[in-house]
Amino acid sequence: MFKFGSRPEGGGGGTGGGGVDQRTGHRALSGAGLANRVLNGHCGHVMKLKTGIIVLVVVAIGLLIALFATKKQADDQRAKDAAAILEFPTSLTRRALT
C-alpha cells in the first residue's frame, strides 16, 4: 500500500521521491508534509460551517422581526376590537331612543 510522503517500494529511481497514489492519482512528494489539497479541504469545511452559521443567524433575525411585527399587528387589532365592543351597546341604545 502506498503512503504519502514515503518512497515507493522498489527504490524510487531518482525522480525526487514522488510516487502516485493509486486511489487519487496525485503525485506525492517525500517530506512535503500535508498536501495543499488537504488543507484546502479543511478550510473549505470551516468556511461552509461559518456560512451555515451566518445563514442561520440571518434567518433567526428575520423570524424575530416577523414575530414582533405580527405581535404589534395583533395588539392593534385587539385594541380596535375592544373599542368596537364597547361602542356596540352605546349604538344600540342610540337606535332604540330614536
N, C-alpha and C. Protein backbone atom coordinates (compact mmCIF):
# COMPACT_ATOMS: atom_id res chain seq x y z
N MET A 1 0.85 -1.17 0.00
CA MET A 1 0.00 0.00 0.00
C MET A 1 0.89 1.23 0.00
N PHE A 2 0.49 2.23 -0.72
CA PHE A 2 1.28 3.46 -0.84
C PHE A 2 0.92 4.42 0.28
N LYS A 3 1.94 5.06 0.86
CA LYS A 3 1.73 6.05 1.90
C LYS A 3 2.27 7.38 1.41
N PHE A 4 1.54 8.43 1.63
CA PHE A 4 2.02 9.75 1.24
C PHE A 4 3.29 10.09 2.01
N GLY A 5 4.22 10.75 1.33
CA GLY A 5 5.44 11.20 1.97
C GLY A 5 6.50 10.13 2.09
N SER A 6 6.26 8.94 1.58
CA SER A 6 7.25 7.88 1.65
C SER A 6 7.66 7.51 0.23
N ARG A 7 8.79 6.89 0.11
CA ARG A 7 9.27 6.46 -1.20
C ARG A 7 8.52 5.21 -1.61
N PRO A 8 8.19 5.10 -2.89
CA PRO A 8 7.51 3.89 -3.34
C PRO A 8 8.41 2.67 -3.17
N GLU A 9 7.79 1.54 -3.04
CA GLU A 9 8.56 0.32 -2.90
C GLU A 9 9.36 0.07 -4.17
N GLY A 10 10.57 -0.41 -3.98
CA GLY A 10 11.41 -0.72 -5.13
C GLY A 10 12.43 0.35 -5.43
N GLY A 11 12.68 1.29 -4.52
CA GLY A 11 13.77 2.21 -4.75
C GLY A 11 13.35 3.64 -4.89
N GLY A 12 12.83 4.03 -5.99
CA GLY A 12 12.44 5.43 -6.14
C GLY A 12 12.95 6.00 -7.43
N GLY A 13 14.04 5.54 -7.98
CA GLY A 13 14.50 5.89 -9.30
C GLY A 13 14.99 7.30 -9.49
N GLY A 14 15.23 8.09 -8.46
CA GLY A 14 15.84 9.40 -8.61
C GLY A 14 14.92 10.48 -9.15
N THR A 15 13.62 10.35 -9.00
CA THR A 15 12.69 11.36 -9.51
C THR A 15 12.28 12.33 -8.42
N GLY A 16 13.00 12.37 -7.32
CA GLY A 16 12.62 13.27 -6.25
C GLY A 16 11.69 12.63 -5.25
N GLY A 17 11.50 11.34 -5.35
CA GLY A 17 10.70 10.62 -4.37
C GLY A 17 9.21 10.79 -4.56
N GLY A 18 8.76 10.97 -5.76
CA GLY A 18 7.32 11.14 -5.93
C GLY A 18 6.68 9.92 -6.52
N GLY A 19 5.82 9.29 -5.75
CA GLY A 19 5.04 8.18 -6.26
C GLY A 19 3.64 8.66 -6.55
N VAL A 20 2.86 7.82 -7.15
CA VAL A 20 1.49 8.19 -7.48
C VAL A 20 0.55 7.39 -6.60
N ASP A 21 -0.34 8.09 -5.94
CA ASP A 21 -1.34 7.44 -5.10
C ASP A 21 -2.32 6.72 -6.02
N GLN A 22 -2.53 5.43 -5.77
CA GLN A 22 -3.38 4.63 -6.64
C GLN A 22 -4.85 5.03 -6.54
N ARG A 23 -5.26 5.57 -5.39
CA ARG A 23 -6.65 5.97 -5.20
C ARG A 23 -6.98 7.28 -5.91
N THR A 24 -6.13 8.30 -5.75
CA THR A 24 -6.46 9.63 -6.27
C THR A 24 -5.72 9.97 -7.55
N GLY A 25 -4.61 9.33 -7.82
CA GLY A 25 -3.82 9.65 -9.00
C GLY A 25 -2.91 10.85 -8.79
N HIS A 26 -2.84 11.39 -7.58
CA HIS A 26 -1.99 12.54 -7.29
C HIS A 26 -0.57 12.07 -6.99
N ARG A 27 0.38 12.90 -7.38
CA ARG A 27 1.77 12.59 -7.11
C ARG A 27 2.13 13.07 -5.72
N ALA A 28 2.76 12.23 -4.94
CA ALA A 28 3.16 12.57 -3.58
C ALA A 28 4.63 12.92 -3.56
N LEU A 29 4.98 13.98 -2.84
CA LEU A 29 6.39 14.37 -2.69
C LEU A 29 6.85 13.97 -1.30
N SER A 30 8.04 13.41 -1.22
CA SER A 30 8.54 13.00 0.08
C SER A 30 8.94 14.23 0.87
N GLY A 31 8.61 14.22 2.16
CA GLY A 31 8.99 15.31 3.03
C GLY A 31 8.15 16.57 2.84
N ALA A 32 7.08 16.49 2.10
CA ALA A 32 6.28 17.67 1.84
C ALA A 32 5.28 17.95 2.95
N GLY A 33 5.09 17.06 3.88
CA GLY A 33 4.10 17.28 4.93
C GLY A 33 2.70 17.12 4.38
N LEU A 34 1.80 17.97 4.87
CA LEU A 34 0.43 17.91 4.40
C LEU A 34 0.31 18.53 3.02
N ALA A 35 -0.45 17.92 2.18
CA ALA A 35 -0.65 18.44 0.84
C ALA A 35 -1.60 19.64 0.89
N ASN A 36 -1.48 20.56 -0.06
CA ASN A 36 -2.32 21.75 -0.09
C ASN A 36 -3.79 21.38 -0.23
N ARG A 37 -4.06 20.34 -1.01
CA ARG A 37 -5.46 19.98 -1.20
C ARG A 37 -6.10 19.51 0.10
N VAL A 38 -5.32 18.93 1.01
CA VAL A 38 -5.85 18.52 2.31
C VAL A 38 -6.19 19.76 3.12
N LEU A 39 -5.30 20.76 3.11
CA LEU A 39 -5.55 21.99 3.84
C LEU A 39 -6.74 22.73 3.25
N ASN A 40 -6.82 22.80 1.94
CA ASN A 40 -7.95 23.47 1.31
C ASN A 40 -9.26 22.78 1.65
N GLY A 41 -9.23 21.48 1.72
CA GLY A 41 -10.43 20.75 2.10
C GLY A 41 -10.87 21.08 3.51
N HIS A 42 -9.91 21.21 4.43
CA HIS A 42 -10.23 21.56 5.81
C HIS A 42 -10.77 22.97 5.89
N CYS A 43 -10.13 23.91 5.23
CA CYS A 43 -10.58 25.30 5.25
C CYS A 43 -11.94 25.43 4.58
N GLY A 44 -12.15 24.66 3.52
CA GLY A 44 -13.45 24.69 2.86
C GLY A 44 -14.55 24.23 3.79
N HIS A 45 -14.25 23.23 4.62
CA HIS A 45 -15.23 22.73 5.59
C HIS A 45 -15.54 23.82 6.62
N VAL A 46 -14.51 24.50 7.10
CA VAL A 46 -14.69 25.55 8.09
C VAL A 46 -15.49 26.71 7.47
N MET A 47 -15.20 27.05 6.23
CA MET A 47 -15.91 28.14 5.57
C MET A 47 -17.38 27.77 5.36
N LYS A 48 -17.65 26.50 5.02
CA LYS A 48 -19.04 26.07 4.87
C LYS A 48 -19.76 26.15 6.21
N LEU A 49 -19.07 25.80 7.28
CA LEU A 49 -19.66 25.86 8.61
C LEU A 49 -19.97 27.31 8.97
N LYS A 50 -19.03 28.22 8.73
CA LYS A 50 -19.25 29.64 9.03
C LYS A 50 -20.40 30.19 8.19
N THR A 51 -20.45 29.81 6.93
CA THR A 51 -21.52 30.27 6.05
C THR A 51 -22.87 29.77 6.56
N GLY A 52 -22.92 28.53 6.97
CA GLY A 52 -24.16 27.97 7.52
C GLY A 52 -24.61 28.70 8.77
N ILE A 53 -23.65 29.02 9.64
CA ILE A 53 -23.98 29.73 10.87
C ILE A 53 -24.50 31.12 10.55
N ILE A 54 -23.87 31.80 9.60
CA ILE A 54 -24.31 33.14 9.21
C ILE A 54 -25.72 33.08 8.63
N VAL A 55 -26.00 32.09 7.80
CA VAL A 55 -27.34 31.95 7.23
C VAL A 55 -28.37 31.72 8.34
N LEU A 56 -28.05 30.87 9.29
CA LEU A 56 -28.97 30.61 10.39
C LEU A 56 -29.22 31.85 11.24
N VAL A 57 -28.19 32.65 11.47
CA VAL A 57 -28.35 33.89 12.25
C VAL A 57 -29.26 34.86 11.49
N VAL A 58 -29.04 35.00 10.19
CA VAL A 58 -29.88 35.90 9.39
C VAL A 58 -31.34 35.43 9.39
N VAL A 59 -31.55 34.14 9.27
CA VAL A 59 -32.92 33.59 9.30
C VAL A 59 -33.55 33.84 10.67
N ALA A 60 -32.79 33.64 11.74
CA ALA A 60 -33.32 33.87 13.09
C ALA A 60 -33.69 35.34 13.28
N ILE A 61 -32.87 36.26 12.80
CA ILE A 61 -33.18 37.68 12.91
C ILE A 61 -34.45 38.01 12.12
N GLY A 62 -34.58 37.46 10.92
CA GLY A 62 -35.78 37.67 10.13
C GLY A 62 -37.03 37.15 10.83
N LEU A 63 -36.91 35.99 11.46
CA LEU A 63 -38.06 35.44 12.18
C LEU A 63 -38.43 36.29 13.39
N LEU A 64 -37.44 36.84 14.08
CA LEU A 64 -37.72 37.73 15.20
C LEU A 64 -38.44 39.00 14.74
N ILE A 65 -38.00 39.57 13.64
CA ILE A 65 -38.65 40.76 13.10
C ILE A 65 -40.10 40.44 12.73
N ALA A 66 -40.32 39.29 12.09
CA ALA A 66 -41.68 38.89 11.73
C ALA A 66 -42.53 38.67 12.98
N LEU A 67 -41.95 38.10 14.02
CA LEU A 67 -42.69 37.86 15.26
C LEU A 67 -43.15 39.17 15.88
N PHE A 68 -42.23 40.14 15.99
CA PHE A 68 -42.59 41.42 16.60
C PHE A 68 -43.59 42.19 15.74
N ALA A 69 -43.46 42.12 14.41
CA ALA A 69 -44.42 42.79 13.54
C ALA A 69 -45.81 42.17 13.69
N THR A 70 -45.88 40.85 13.76
CA THR A 70 -47.16 40.17 13.93
C THR A 70 -47.77 40.48 15.29
N LYS A 71 -46.93 40.54 16.31
CA LYS A 71 -47.43 40.86 17.66
C LYS A 71 -47.99 42.27 17.70
N LYS A 72 -47.32 43.22 17.07
CA LYS A 72 -47.80 44.60 17.04
C LYS A 72 -49.14 44.67 16.29
N GLN A 73 -49.23 43.97 15.18
CA GLN A 73 -50.47 43.95 14.40
C GLN A 73 -51.61 43.35 15.23
N ALA A 74 -51.33 42.27 15.96
CA ALA A 74 -52.35 41.63 16.79
C ALA A 74 -52.78 42.56 17.93
N ASP A 75 -51.84 43.28 18.53
CA ASP A 75 -52.19 44.22 19.60
C ASP A 75 -53.07 45.35 19.06
N ASP A 76 -52.73 45.86 17.88
CA ASP A 76 -53.54 46.92 17.27
C ASP A 76 -54.96 46.41 16.97
N GLN A 77 -55.07 45.22 16.44
CA GLN A 77 -56.38 44.64 16.13
C GLN A 77 -57.18 44.42 17.40
N ARG A 78 -56.52 43.97 18.48
CA ARG A 78 -57.21 43.73 19.76
C ARG A 78 -57.77 45.04 20.32
N ALA A 79 -56.97 46.11 20.23
CA ALA A 79 -57.45 47.42 20.71
C ALA A 79 -58.63 47.90 19.88
N LYS A 80 -58.57 47.71 18.58
CA LYS A 80 -59.67 48.11 17.69
C LYS A 80 -60.94 47.31 18.01
N ASP A 81 -60.80 46.01 18.25
CA ASP A 81 -61.95 45.16 18.58
C ASP A 81 -62.54 45.55 19.93
N ALA A 82 -61.69 45.85 20.90
CA ALA A 82 -62.19 46.25 22.22
C ALA A 82 -62.98 47.55 22.12
N ALA A 83 -62.50 48.49 21.32
CA ALA A 83 -63.25 49.74 21.13
C ALA A 83 -64.59 49.48 20.46
N ALA A 84 -64.62 48.58 19.48
CA ALA A 84 -65.87 48.26 18.80
C ALA A 84 -66.85 47.57 19.74
N ILE A 85 -66.35 46.71 20.62
CA ILE A 85 -67.22 46.01 21.57
C ILE A 85 -67.82 47.00 22.56
N LEU A 86 -67.01 47.95 23.02
CA LEU A 86 -67.51 48.94 23.96
C LEU A 86 -68.49 49.90 23.28
N GLU A 87 -68.33 50.16 22.03
CA GLU A 87 -69.18 51.09 21.29
C GLU A 87 -70.52 50.44 20.90
N PHE A 88 -70.57 49.15 20.78
CA PHE A 88 -71.77 48.47 20.30
C PHE A 88 -73.01 48.72 21.17
N PRO A 89 -72.94 48.53 22.49
CA PRO A 89 -74.14 48.78 23.31
C PRO A 89 -74.59 50.24 23.22
N THR A 90 -73.64 51.16 23.12
CA THR A 90 -73.99 52.58 23.03
C THR A 90 -74.76 52.84 21.74
N SER A 91 -74.34 52.24 20.63
CA SER A 91 -75.03 52.44 19.35
C SER A 91 -76.42 51.82 19.38
N LEU A 92 -76.58 50.71 20.07
CA LEU A 92 -77.92 50.09 20.19
C LEU A 92 -78.86 50.99 20.99
N THR A 93 -78.33 51.60 22.04
CA THR A 93 -79.13 52.49 22.87
C THR A 93 -79.56 53.70 22.05
N ARG A 94 -78.67 54.26 21.26
CA ARG A 94 -79.00 55.41 20.43
C ARG A 94 -80.10 55.05 19.44
N ARG A 95 -80.02 53.90 18.86
CA ARG A 95 -81.01 53.47 17.85
C ARG A 95 -82.39 53.27 18.51
N ALA A 96 -82.35 52.73 19.73
CA ALA A 96 -83.62 52.47 20.42
C ALA A 96 -84.32 53.76 20.79
N LEU A 97 -83.55 54.80 21.12
CA LEU A 97 -84.13 56.07 21.53
C LEU A 97 -84.62 56.89 20.34
N THR A 98 -84.10 56.67 19.17
CA THR A 98 -84.52 57.47 18.03
C THR A 98 -85.68 56.92 17.30
